[in-house]
PDB file of N, CA and C in Angstrom:
ATOM      1  N   MET A   1       5.266   4.456 -39.213  1.00  0.00           N
ATOM      2  CA  MET A   1       6.966   4.406 -38.601  1.00  0.00           C
ATOM      3  C   MET A   1       7.598   3.541 -39.467  1.00  0.00           C
ATOM      4  N   ALA A   2       8.768   3.966 -40.135  1.00  0.00           N
ATOM      5  CA  ALA A   2       9.633   2.775 -40.818  1.00  0.00           C
ATOM      6  C   ALA A   2      10.251   1.945 -39.902  1.00  0.00           C
ATOM      7  N   ALA A   3      10.361   1.016 -40.289  1.00  0.00           N
ATOM      8  CA  ALA A   3      11.341   0.102 -39.227  1.00  0.00           C
ATOM      9  C   ALA A   3      12.835   0.688 -39.194  1.00  0.00           C
ATOM     10  N   LEU A   4      13.280   0.468 -37.885  1.00  0.00           N
ATOM     11  CA  LEU A   4      14.499   1.075 -37.523  1.00  0.00           C
ATOM     12  C   LEU A   4      15.559   0.080 -37.569  1.00  0.00           C
ATOM     13  N   GLU A   5      16.705   0.497 -38.454  1.00  0.00           N
ATOM     14  CA  GLU A   5      17.723  -0.195 -38.640  1.00  0.00           C
ATOM     15  C   GLU A   5      18.772  -0.199 -37.482  1.00  0.00           C
ATOM     16  N   VAL A   6      18.930  -1.579 -36.843  1.00  0.00           N
ATOM     17  CA  VAL A   6      20.007  -1.601 -35.635  1.00  0.00           C
ATOM     18  C   VAL A   6      21.179  -2.149 -36.208  1.00  0.00           C
ATOM     19  N   THR A   7      22.211  -2.183 -35.291  1.00  0.00           N
ATOM     20  CA  THR A   7      23.421  -2.620 -35.519  1.00  0.00           C
ATOM     21  C   THR A   7      23.867  -3.449 -34.492  1.00  0.00           C
ATOM     22  N   ASP A   8      25.060  -4.189 -34.614  1.00  0.00           N
ATOM     23  CA  ASP A   8      25.800  -4.855 -33.415  1.00  0.00           C
ATOM     24  C   ASP A   8      25.827  -3.978 -32.221  1.00  0.00           C
ATOM     25  N   ASP A   9      26.335  -2.447 -32.337  1.00  0.00           N
ATOM     26  CA  ASP A   9      26.335  -1.864 -31.336  1.00  0.00           C
ATOM     27  C   ASP A   9      25.240  -1.395 -30.635  1.00  0.00           C
ATOM     28  N   SER A  10      24.039  -1.137 -31.483  1.00  0.00           N
ATOM     29  CA  SER A  10      22.813  -0.476 -31.005  1.00  0.00           C
ATOM     30  C   SER A  10      21.805  -1.402 -30.645  1.00  0.00           C
ATOM     31  N   PHE A  11      22.011  -2.707 -30.661  1.00  0.00           N
ATOM     32  CA  PHE A  11      21.123  -3.851 -30.725  1.00  0.00           C
ATOM     33  C   PHE A  11      20.529  -4.061 -29.050  1.00  0.00           C
ATOM     34  N   SER A  12      21.656  -3.630 -28.173  1.00  0.00           N
ATOM     35  CA  SER A  12      21.484  -3.903 -26.582  1.00  0.00           C
ATOM     36  C   SER A  12      20.255  -2.767 -26.627  1.00  0.00           C
ATOM     37  N   ASN A  13      20.691  -1.434 -26.787  1.00  0.00           N
ATOM     38  CA  ASN A  13      19.716  -0.062 -26.243  1.00  0.00           C
ATOM     39  C   ASN A  13      18.400  -0.456 -27.164  1.00  0.00           C
ATOM     40  N   GLU A  14      18.481  -0.772 -28.388  1.00  0.00           N
ATOM     41  CA  GLU A  14      17.306  -0.572 -29.063  1.00  0.00           C
ATOM     42  C   GLU A  14      16.310  -1.727 -28.888  1.00  0.00           C
ATOM     43  N   VAL A  15      16.822  -2.988 -28.847  1.00  0.00           N
ATOM     44  CA  VAL A  15      16.030  -4.262 -28.764  1.00  0.00           C
ATOM     45  C   VAL A  15      15.913  -4.886 -27.271  1.00  0.00           C
ATOM     46  N   LEU A  16      17.192  -4.953 -26.658  1.00  0.00           N
ATOM     47  CA  LEU A  16      16.924  -5.772 -25.369  1.00  0.00           C
ATOM     48  C   LEU A  16      16.339  -4.891 -24.370  1.00  0.00           C
ATOM     49  N   LYS A  17      16.738  -3.595 -24.300  1.00  0.00           N
ATOM     50  CA  LYS A  17      16.011  -2.666 -23.171  1.00  0.00           C
ATOM     51  C   LYS A  17      14.890  -1.972 -23.515  1.00  0.00           C
ATOM     52  N   SER A  18      14.443  -2.557 -24.772  1.00  0.00           N
ATOM     53  CA  SER A  18      13.067  -1.633 -25.383  1.00  0.00           C
ATOM     54  C   SER A  18      11.952  -2.002 -24.172  1.00  0.00           C
ATOM     55  N   GLU A  19      11.168  -0.970 -23.721  1.00  0.00           N
ATOM     56  CA  GLU A  19       9.899  -1.273 -22.877  1.00  0.00           C
ATOM     57  C   GLU A  19       9.082  -2.016 -23.781  1.00  0.00           C
ATOM     58  N   LEU A  20       8.951  -1.738 -25.273  1.00  0.00           N
ATOM     59  CA  LEU A  20       7.862  -2.432 -26.057  1.00  0.00           C
ATOM     60  C   LEU A  20       8.411  -3.729 -26.557  1.00  0.00           C
ATOM     61  N   PRO A  21       7.561  -4.632 -26.818  1.00  0.00           N
ATOM     62  CA  PRO A  21       8.081  -5.943 -27.655  1.00  0.00           C
ATOM     63  C   PRO A  21       8.723  -5.418 -28.876  1.00  0.00           C
ATOM     64  N   VAL A  22       9.618  -6.134 -29.424  1.00  0.00           N
ATOM     65  CA  VAL A  22      10.381  -5.733 -30.485  1.00  0.00           C
ATOM     66  C   VAL A  22      10.484  -7.330 -31.571  1.00  0.00           C
ATOM     67  N   LEU A  23      10.219  -6.683 -32.769  1.00  0.00           N
ATOM     68  CA  LEU A  23      10.307  -7.416 -33.898  1.00  0.00           C
ATOM     69  C   LEU A  23      11.550  -7.069 -34.609  1.00  0.00           C
ATOM     70  N   VAL A  24      12.517  -7.973 -34.695  1.00  0.00           N
ATOM     71  CA  VAL A  24      13.655  -7.981 -35.456  1.00  0.00           C
ATOM     72  C   VAL A  24      13.727  -8.730 -36.769  1.00  0.00           C
ATOM     73  N   ASP A  25      14.137  -8.011 -37.670  1.00  0.00           N
ATOM     74  CA  ASP A  25      14.172  -8.669 -39.237  1.00  0.00           C
ATOM     75  C   ASP A  25      15.606  -8.581 -39.558  1.00  0.00           C
ATOM     76  N   PHE A  26      15.973 -10.153 -39.451  1.00  0.00           N
ATOM     77  CA  PHE A  26      17.527 -10.195 -39.792  1.00  0.00           C
ATOM     78  C   PHE A  26      17.603 -10.505 -41.322  1.00  0.00           C
ATOM     79  N   TRP A  27      18.383  -9.729 -41.940  1.00  0.00           N
ATOM     80  CA  TRP A  27      17.913  -9.834 -43.382  1.00  0.00           C
ATOM     81  C   TRP A  27      19.430  -9.661 -44.128  1.00  0.00           C
ATOM     82  N   ALA A  28      19.652  -9.720 -45.371  1.00  0.00           N
ATOM     83  CA  ALA A  28      20.829  -9.360 -46.221  1.00  0.00           C
ATOM     84  C   ALA A  28      20.409  -8.611 -47.658  1.00  0.00           C
ATOM     85  N   GLU A  29      21.041  -7.849 -48.181  1.00  0.00           N
ATOM     86  CA  GLU A  29      20.862  -7.276 -49.307  1.00  0.00           C
ATOM     87  C   GLU A  29      20.807  -8.181 -50.474  1.00  0.00           C
ATOM     88  N   TRP A  30      21.609  -9.491 -50.635  1.00  0.00           N
ATOM     89  CA  TRP A  30      21.442 -10.398 -51.836  1.00  0.00           C
ATOM     90  C   TRP A  30      20.478 -11.398 -51.448  1.00  0.00           C
ATOM     91  N   CYS A  31      19.798 -11.157 -50.536  1.00  0.00           N
ATOM     92  CA  CYS A  31      18.554 -12.291 -50.127  1.00  0.00           C
ATOM     93  C   CYS A  31      17.202 -12.104 -50.780  1.00  0.00           C
ATOM     94  N   GLY A  32      17.050 -13.010 -51.678  1.00  0.00           N
ATOM     95  CA  GLY A  32      15.695 -12.756 -52.422  1.00  0.00           C
ATOM     96  C   GLY A  32      14.488 -12.891 -51.740  1.00  0.00           C
ATOM     97  N   PRO A  33      14.039 -14.042 -50.795  1.00  0.00           N
ATOM     98  CA  PRO A  33      13.238 -13.900 -49.710  1.00  0.00           C
ATOM     99  C   PRO A  33      12.763 -12.724 -48.816  1.00  0.00           C
ATOM    100  N   CYS A  34      14.201 -12.471 -48.545  1.00  0.00           N
ATOM    101  CA  CYS A  34      14.303 -10.971 -47.552  1.00  0.00           C
ATOM    102  C   CYS A  34      13.664  -9.787 -48.346  1.00  0.00           C
ATOM    103  N   LYS A  35      13.791  -9.945 -49.643  1.00  0.00           N
ATOM    104  CA  LYS A  35      13.088  -8.850 -50.273  1.00  0.00           C
ATOM    105  C   LYS A  35      11.598  -8.909 -50.434  1.00  0.00           C
ATOM    106  N   MET A  36      10.999 -10.195 -50.198  1.00  0.00           N
ATOM    107  CA  MET A  36       9.669 -10.594 -50.133  1.00  0.00           C
ATOM    108  C   MET A  36       8.889 -10.067 -49.132  1.00  0.00           C
ATOM    109  N   VAL A  37       9.681 -10.117 -47.745  1.00  0.00           N
ATOM    110  CA  VAL A  37       9.423  -9.966 -46.363  1.00  0.00           C
ATOM    111  C   VAL A  37       9.640  -8.573 -45.931  1.00  0.00           C
ATOM    112  N   SER A  38      10.427  -7.950 -46.508  1.00  0.00           N
ATOM    113  CA  SER A  38      10.831  -6.442 -45.981  1.00  0.00           C
ATOM    114  C   SER A  38       9.541  -5.214 -46.303  1.00  0.00           C
ATOM    115  N   PRO A  39       8.801  -5.580 -47.378  1.00  0.00           N
ATOM    116  CA  PRO A  39       7.636  -4.726 -47.404  1.00  0.00           C
ATOM    117  C   PRO A  39       6.479  -5.267 -46.280  1.00  0.00           C
ATOM    118  N   ILE A  40       6.497  -6.338 -45.905  1.00  0.00           N
ATOM    119  CA  ILE A  40       5.660  -6.796 -45.187  1.00  0.00           C
ATOM    120  C   ILE A  40       6.010  -6.477 -43.719  1.00  0.00           C
ATOM    121  N   VAL A  41       7.357  -6.325 -43.348  1.00  0.00           N
ATOM    122  CA  VAL A  41       7.791  -5.851 -42.059  1.00  0.00           C
ATOM    123  C   VAL A  41       7.563  -4.239 -41.985  1.00  0.00           C
ATOM    124  N   GLU A  42       7.576  -3.556 -43.123  1.00  0.00           N
ATOM    125  CA  GLU A  42       7.470  -2.182 -42.962  1.00  0.00           C
ATOM    126  C   GLU A  42       5.937  -1.951 -42.846  1.00  0.00           C
ATOM    127  N   GLU A  43       5.005  -2.554 -43.515  1.00  0.00           N
ATOM    128  CA  GLU A  43       3.619  -2.676 -43.183  1.00  0.00           C
ATOM    129  C   GLU A  43       3.077  -2.820 -41.561  1.00  0.00           C
ATOM    130  N   LEU A  44       3.755  -3.693 -41.043  1.00  0.00           N
ATOM    131  CA  LEU A  44       3.744  -4.193 -39.665  1.00  0.00           C
ATOM    132  C   LEU A  44       4.035  -2.976 -38.800  1.00  0.00           C
ATOM    133  N   SER A  45       5.225  -2.340 -39.292  1.00  0.00           N
ATOM    134  CA  SER A  45       5.783  -1.355 -38.557  1.00  0.00           C
ATOM    135  C   SER A  45       4.571  -0.409 -38.463  1.00  0.00           C
ATOM    136  N   ASN A  46       4.183   0.282 -39.514  1.00  0.00           N
ATOM    137  CA  ASN A  46       2.758   1.040 -39.423  1.00  0.00           C
ATOM    138  C   ASN A  46       1.888   0.641 -38.628  1.00  0.00           C
ATOM    139  N   GLU A  47       1.320  -0.433 -38.696  1.00  0.00           N
ATOM    140  CA  GLU A  47       0.199  -1.097 -38.278  1.00  0.00           C
ATOM    141  C   GLU A  47       0.214  -1.530 -36.659  1.00  0.00           C
ATOM    142  N   TYR A  48       1.252  -1.542 -36.452  1.00  0.00           N
ATOM    143  CA  TYR A  48       1.860  -1.903 -34.898  1.00  0.00           C
ATOM    144  C   TYR A  48       2.410  -0.688 -34.178  1.00  0.00           C
ATOM    145  N   ASN A  49       2.363   0.511 -34.528  1.00  0.00           N
ATOM    146  CA  ASN A  49       3.031   1.564 -34.325  1.00  0.00           C
ATOM    147  C   ASN A  49       2.554   1.950 -32.836  1.00  0.00           C
ATOM    148  N   GLY A  50       3.525   2.074 -31.850  1.00  0.00           N
ATOM    149  CA  GLY A  50       3.165   2.210 -30.394  1.00  0.00           C
ATOM    150  C   GLY A  50       2.909   0.977 -29.607  1.00  0.00           C
ATOM    151  N   LYS A  51       2.491  -0.238 -30.363  1.00  0.00           N
ATOM    152  CA  LYS A  51       2.356  -1.582 -29.714  1.00  0.00           C
ATOM    153  C   LYS A  51       3.729  -2.233 -29.814  1.00  0.00           C
ATOM    154  N   ILE A  52       4.405  -2.121 -30.807  1.00  0.00           N
ATOM    155  CA  ILE A  52       5.684  -2.872 -30.992  1.00  0.00           C
ATOM    156  C   ILE A  52       6.782  -1.846 -31.580  1.00  0.00           C
ATOM    157  N   LYS A  53       7.974  -2.290 -31.392  1.00  0.00           N
ATOM    158  CA  LYS A  53       8.985  -1.680 -32.166  1.00  0.00           C
ATOM    159  C   LYS A  53       9.808  -2.624 -33.383  1.00  0.00           C
ATOM    160  N   VAL A  54       9.801  -2.062 -34.438  1.00  0.00           N
ATOM    161  CA  VAL A  54      10.063  -2.901 -35.603  1.00  0.00           C
ATOM    162  C   VAL A  54      11.648  -2.371 -35.997  1.00  0.00           C
ATOM    163  N   THR A  55      12.421  -3.567 -36.201  1.00  0.00           N
ATOM    164  CA  THR A  55      13.665  -3.121 -36.422  1.00  0.00           C
ATOM    165  C   THR A  55      14.303  -4.146 -37.609  1.00  0.00           C
ATOM    166  N   LYS A  56      15.268  -3.552 -38.213  1.00  0.00           N
ATOM    167  CA  LYS A  56      16.076  -4.431 -39.094  1.00  0.00           C
ATOM    168  C   LYS A  56      17.359  -4.546 -38.792  1.00  0.00           C
ATOM    169  N   LEU A  57      17.906  -5.742 -38.950  1.00  0.00           N
ATOM    170  CA  LEU A  57      19.394  -6.024 -38.840  1.00  0.00           C
ATOM    171  C   LEU A  57      19.930  -6.573 -39.861  1.00  0.00           C
ATOM    172  N   ASP A  58      21.026  -6.055 -40.575  1.00  0.00           N
ATOM    173  CA  ASP A  58      21.685  -6.592 -41.954  1.00  0.00           C
ATOM    174  C   ASP A  58      22.685  -7.326 -41.467  1.00  0.00           C
ATOM    175  N   VAL A  59      22.612  -8.799 -41.600  1.00  0.00           N
ATOM    176  CA  VAL A  59      23.437  -9.886 -41.049  1.00  0.00           C
ATOM    177  C   VAL A  59      24.782  -9.742 -41.651  1.00  0.00           C
ATOM    178  N   ASP A  60      25.140  -9.424 -42.833  1.00  0.00           N
ATOM    179  CA  ASP A  60      26.350  -9.133 -43.400  1.00  0.00           C
ATOM    180  C   ASP A  60      27.060  -7.802 -42.831  1.00  0.00           C
ATOM    181  N   SER A  61      26.540  -7.046 -42.309  1.00  0.00           N
ATOM    182  CA  SER A  61      27.247  -5.732 -41.604  1.00  0.00           C
ATOM    183  C   SER A  61      27.518  -5.941 -40.143  1.00  0.00           C
ATOM    184  N   ASN A  62      26.529  -6.901 -39.542  1.00  0.00           N
ATOM    185  CA  ASN A  62      26.362  -7.073 -38.294  1.00  0.00           C
ATOM    186  C   ASN A  62      26.345  -8.679 -37.710  1.00  0.00           C
ATOM    187  N   PRO A  63      27.476  -9.171 -37.991  1.00  0.00           N
ATOM    188  CA  PRO A  63      27.672 -10.907 -37.801  1.00  0.00           C
ATOM    189  C   PRO A  63      27.480 -11.130 -36.397  1.00  0.00           C
ATOM    190  N   LYS A  64      27.781 -10.324 -35.475  1.00  0.00           N
ATOM    191  CA  LYS A  64      27.930 -10.615 -34.032  1.00  0.00           C
ATOM    192  C   LYS A  64      26.990 -10.939 -33.649  1.00  0.00           C
ATOM    193  N   THR A  65      25.960 -10.058 -33.926  1.00  0.00           N
ATOM    194  CA  THR A  65      24.501 -10.125 -33.143  1.00  0.00           C
ATOM    195  C   THR A  65      23.481 -11.357 -33.754  1.00  0.00           C
ATOM    196  N   ALA A  66      23.996 -11.653 -35.139  1.00  0.00           N
ATOM    197  CA  ALA A  66      23.304 -12.773 -35.789  1.00  0.00           C
ATOM    198  C   ALA A  66      23.970 -14.071 -35.176  1.00  0.00           C
ATOM    199  N   ALA A  67      25.117 -14.079 -34.840  1.00  0.00           N
ATOM    200  CA  ALA A  67      25.732 -15.174 -34.374  1.00  0.00           C
ATOM    201  C   ALA A  67      25.593 -15.419 -32.918  1.00  0.00           C
ATOM    202  N   ASN A  68      25.050 -14.426 -32.440  1.00  0.00           N
ATOM    203  CA  ASN A  68      24.742 -14.577 -30.787  1.00  0.00           C
ATOM    204  C   ASN A  68      23.366 -15.209 -30.868  1.00  0.00           C
ATOM    205  N   TYR A  69      22.448 -15.089 -31.867  1.00  0.00           N
ATOM    206  CA  TYR A  69      21.066 -15.531 -31.919  1.00  0.00           C
ATOM    207  C   TYR A  69      20.904 -16.823 -32.733  1.00  0.00           C
ATOM    208  N   GLY A  70      22.170 -17.364 -33.284  1.00  0.00           N
ATOM    209  CA  GLY A  70      22.246 -18.520 -34.176  1.00  0.00           C
ATOM    210  C   GLY A  70      21.425 -18.568 -35.338  1.00  0.00           C
ATOM    211  N   ILE A  71      21.616 -17.335 -36.044  1.00  0.00           N
ATOM    212  CA  ILE A  71      20.776 -17.006 -37.030  1.00  0.00           C
ATOM    213  C   ILE A  71      21.611 -17.953 -38.319  1.00  0.00           C
ATOM    214  N   ARG A  72      20.987 -18.892 -38.818  1.00  0.00           N
ATOM    215  CA  ARG A  72      21.594 -19.618 -40.141  1.00  0.00           C
ATOM    216  C   ARG A  72      20.818 -19.530 -41.285  1.00  0.00           C
ATOM    217  N   GLY A  73      19.467 -19.037 -41.359  1.00  0.00           N
ATOM    218  CA  GLY A  73      18.979 -18.632 -42.477  1.00  0.00           C
ATOM    219  C   GLY A  73      17.943 -17.537 -42.515  1.00  0.00           C
ATOM    220  N   ILE A  74      17.812 -16.753 -43.577  1.00  0.00           N
ATOM    221  CA  ILE A  74      17.669 -15.332 -43.730  1.00  0.00           C
ATOM    222  C   ILE A  74      16.320 -15.557 -44.641  1.00  0.00           C
ATOM    223  N   PRO A  75      15.153 -14.991 -44.758  1.00  0.00           N
ATOM    224  CA  PRO A  75      15.132 -13.966 -43.431  1.00  0.00           C
ATOM    225  C   PRO A  75      14.787 -14.707 -42.400  1.00  0.00           C
ATOM    226  N   THR A  76      15.123 -14.293 -41.004  1.00  0.00           N
ATOM    227  CA  THR A  76      14.326 -14.466 -39.882  1.00  0.00           C
ATOM    228  C   THR A  76      13.925 -13.577 -39.070  1.00  0.00           C
ATOM    229  N   LEU A  77      12.606 -13.890 -38.390  1.00  0.00           N
ATOM    230  CA  LEU A  77      12.083 -12.683 -37.816  1.00  0.00           C
ATOM    231  C   LEU A  77      12.142 -12.999 -36.205  1.00  0.00           C
ATOM    232  N   LEU A  78      12.720 -12.371 -35.269  1.00  0.00           N
ATOM    233  CA  LEU A  78      12.812 -12.686 -34.070  1.00  0.00           C
ATOM    234  C   LEU A  78      12.145 -11.779 -33.179  1.00  0.00           C
ATOM    235  N   MET A  79      11.331 -12.153 -32.364  1.00  0.00           N
ATOM    236  CA  MET A  79      10.331 -11.244 -31.479  1.00  0.00           C
ATOM    237  C   MET A  79      10.976 -11.363 -30.337  1.00  0.00           C
ATOM    238  N   PHE A  80      11.277 -10.089 -29.334  1.00  0.00           N
ATOM    239  CA  PHE A  80      11.531 -10.016 -28.126  1.00  0.00           C
ATOM    240  C   PHE A  80      10.782  -9.328 -27.337  1.00  0.00           C
ATOM    241  N   LYS A  81      10.447  -9.599 -26.046  1.00  0.00           N
ATOM    242  CA  LYS A  81       9.651  -9.265 -24.872  1.00  0.00           C
ATOM    243  C   LYS A  81      10.469  -9.201 -23.644  1.00  0.00           C
ATOM    244  N   ASP A  82      10.815  -7.982 -23.216  1.00  0.00           N
ATOM    245  CA  ASP A  82      11.416  -7.824 -21.706  1.00  0.00           C
ATOM    246  C   ASP A  82      12.841  -8.260 -22.190  1.00  0.00           C
ATOM    247  N   GLY A  83      13.455  -8.140 -23.328  1.00  0.00           N
ATOM    248  CA  GLY A  83      14.809  -8.483 -23.441  1.00  0.00           C
ATOM    249  C   GLY A  83      15.039  -9.829 -23.667  1.00  0.00           C
ATOM    250  N   ALA A  84      14.095 -10.725 -23.936  1.00  0.00           N
ATOM    251  CA  ALA A  84      14.255 -12.082 -24.409  1.00  0.00           C
ATOM    252  C   ALA A  84      13.589 -12.411 -25.623  1.00  0.00           C
ATOM    253  N   ALA A  85      14.181 -13.362 -26.240  1.00  0.00           N
ATOM    254  CA  ALA A  85      13.684 -13.860 -27.450  1.00  0.00           C
ATOM    255  C   ALA A  85      12.260 -14.961 -27.182  1.00  0.00           C
ATOM    256  N   VAL A  86      11.332 -14.398 -27.696  1.00  0.00           N
ATOM    257  CA  VAL A  86      10.221 -15.298 -27.186  1.00  0.00           C
ATOM    258  C   VAL A  86       9.618 -15.797 -28.516  1.00  0.00           C
ATOM    259  N   ASP A  87       9.669 -15.598 -29.648  1.00  0.00           N
ATOM    260  CA  ASP A  87       9.572 -16.322 -31.152  1.00  0.00           C
ATOM    261  C   ASP A  87      10.214 -16.073 -32.012  1.00  0.00           C
ATOM    262  N   GLN A  88      10.371 -17.129 -32.789  1.00  0.00           N
ATOM    263  CA  GLN A  88      11.092 -16.984 -34.380  1.00  0.00           C
ATOM    264  C   GLN A  88      10.491 -17.573 -35.419  1.00  0.00           C
ATOM    265  N   ILE A  89      10.727 -16.808 -36.567  1.00  0.00           N
ATOM    266  CA  ILE A  89      10.101 -17.423 -37.800  1.00  0.00           C
ATOM    267  C   ILE A  89      11.017 -17.198 -38.743  1.00  0.00           C
ATOM    268  N   VAL A  90      11.365 -18.392 -39.307  1.00  0.00           N
ATOM    269  CA  VAL A  90      12.484 -18.428 -40.416  1.00  0.00           C
ATOM    270  C   VAL A  90      11.735 -18.682 -41.625  1.00  0.00           C
ATOM    271  N   GLY A  91      12.307 -17.671 -42.679  1.00  0.00           N
ATOM    272  CA  GLY A  91      11.647 -17.781 -44.071  1.00  0.00           C
ATOM    273  C   GLY A  91      10.688 -16.585 -44.412  1.00  0.00           C
ATOM    274  N   ALA A  92      10.121 -16.836 -45.609  1.00  0.00           N
ATOM    275  CA  ALA A  92       9.001 -15.912 -45.905  1.00  0.00           C
ATOM    276  C   ALA A  92       7.649 -16.545 -45.614  1.00  0.00           C
ATOM    277  N   ILE A  93       7.051 -16.022 -44.734  1.00  0.00           N
ATOM    278  CA  ILE A  93       5.479 -16.626 -44.890  1.00  0.00           C
ATOM    279  C   ILE A  93       4.788 -15.338 -45.131  1.00  0.00           C
ATOM    280  N   PRO A  94       3.229 -15.911 -45.241  1.00  0.00           N
ATOM    281  CA  PRO A  94       2.137 -14.467 -45.133  1.00  0.00           C
ATOM    282  C   PRO A  94       2.233 -13.554 -44.008  1.00  0.00           C
ATOM    283  N   LYS A  95       1.795 -12.175 -44.396  1.00  0.00           N
ATOM    284  CA  LYS A  95       1.599 -11.181 -43.682  1.00  0.00           C
ATOM    285  C   LYS A  95       0.736 -11.610 -42.143  1.00  0.00           C
ATOM    286  N   GLN A  96      -0.379 -12.187 -42.727  1.00  0.00           N
ATOM    287  CA  GLN A  96      -1.215 -12.796 -41.540  1.00  0.00           C
ATOM    288  C   GLN A  96      -0.805 -13.560 -40.602  1.00  0.00           C
ATOM    289  N   GLN A  97       0.314 -14.435 -40.916  1.00  0.00           N
ATOM    290  CA  GLN A  97       0.709 -15.179 -39.890  1.00  0.00           C
ATOM    291  C   GLN A  97       1.470 -14.674 -39.112  1.00  0.00           C
ATOM    292  N   ILE A  98       2.356 -13.728 -39.625  1.00  0.00           N
ATOM    293  CA  ILE A  98       3.413 -12.849 -38.803  1.00  0.00           C
ATOM    294  C   ILE A  98       2.283 -12.195 -37.784  1.00  0.00           C
ATOM    295  N   ALA A  99       1.377 -11.517 -38.420  1.00  0.00           N
ATOM    296  CA  ALA A  99       0.678 -10.589 -37.247  1.00  0.00           C
ATOM    297  C   ALA A  99       0.110 -11.262 -36.358  1.00  0.00           C
ATOM    298  N   GLU A 100      -0.559 -12.793 -36.852  1.00  0.00           N
ATOM    299  CA  GLU A 100      -0.982 -13.578 -35.344  1.00  0.00           C
ATOM    300  C   GLU A 100       0.090 -13.799 -34.324  1.00  0.00           C
ATOM    301  N   ARG A 101       1.223 -14.141 -34.756  1.00  0.00           N
ATOM    302  CA  ARG A 101       2.155 -14.241 -33.987  1.00  0.00           C
ATOM    303  C   ARG A 101       2.552 -13.004 -32.859  1.00  0.00           C
ATOM    304  N   LEU A 102       2.641 -12.001 -33.709  1.00  0.00           N
ATOM    305  CA  LEU A 102       2.684 -10.573 -32.914  1.00  0.00           C
ATOM    306  C   LEU A 102       1.705 -10.315 -31.669  1.00  0.00           C
ATOM    307  N   ASP A 103       0.524 -10.749 -32.392  1.00  0.00           N
ATOM    308  CA  ASP A 103      -0.949 -10.440 -31.249  1.00  0.00           C
ATOM    309  C   ASP A 103      -0.541 -11.022 -30.067  1.00  0.00           C
ATOM    310  N   LYS A 104      -0.138 -12.466 -30.193  1.00  0.00           N
ATOM    311  CA  LYS A 104       0.016 -13.250 -29.225  1.00  0.00           C
ATOM    312  C   LYS A 104       1.130 -12.506 -28.047  1.00  0.00           C
ATOM    313  N   ILE A 105       2.187 -12.038 -28.624  1.00  0.00           N
ATOM    314  CA  ILE A 105       3.232 -11.379 -27.930  1.00  0.00           C
ATOM    315  C   ILE A 105       2.515  -9.887 -27.077  1.00  0.00           C
ATOM    316  N   ILE A 106       1.843  -9.310 -27.917  1.00  0.00           N
ATOM    317  CA  ILE A 106       1.592  -8.183 -27.103  1.00  0.00           C
ATOM    318  C   ILE A 106       0.143  -8.179 -26.440  1.00  0.00           C
ATOM    319  N   SER A 107      -0.296  -9.369 -26.315  1.00  0.00           N
ATOM    320  CA  SER A 107      -1.861  -9.563 -25.527  1.00  0.00           C
ATOM    321  C   SER A 107      -1.312  -9.758 -24.123  1.00  0.00           C
TER     322      SER A 107
END
């Protein structure tokens, strides 16, 4: 299942009200490291299908949500559980490290 694009308008319903934990990839088209993380996020979306919801938010098109969560550097991966941000990763890191953090949230 591909990562779901979320916007300022859909963020509350898709992320904060989700029954599953949610991974949000804050990214921008011009961001080189974001392009490195994007395929990893898509792989995780498939591997964790049914366990977590994987979403992507373009910070240029949706500045309100990015500002609400203090996103200053991208890529930033924010993990939500029960409507609250519970973990954050800034920058490009290996897939295994992201998976380990996700496993802690869903266990």
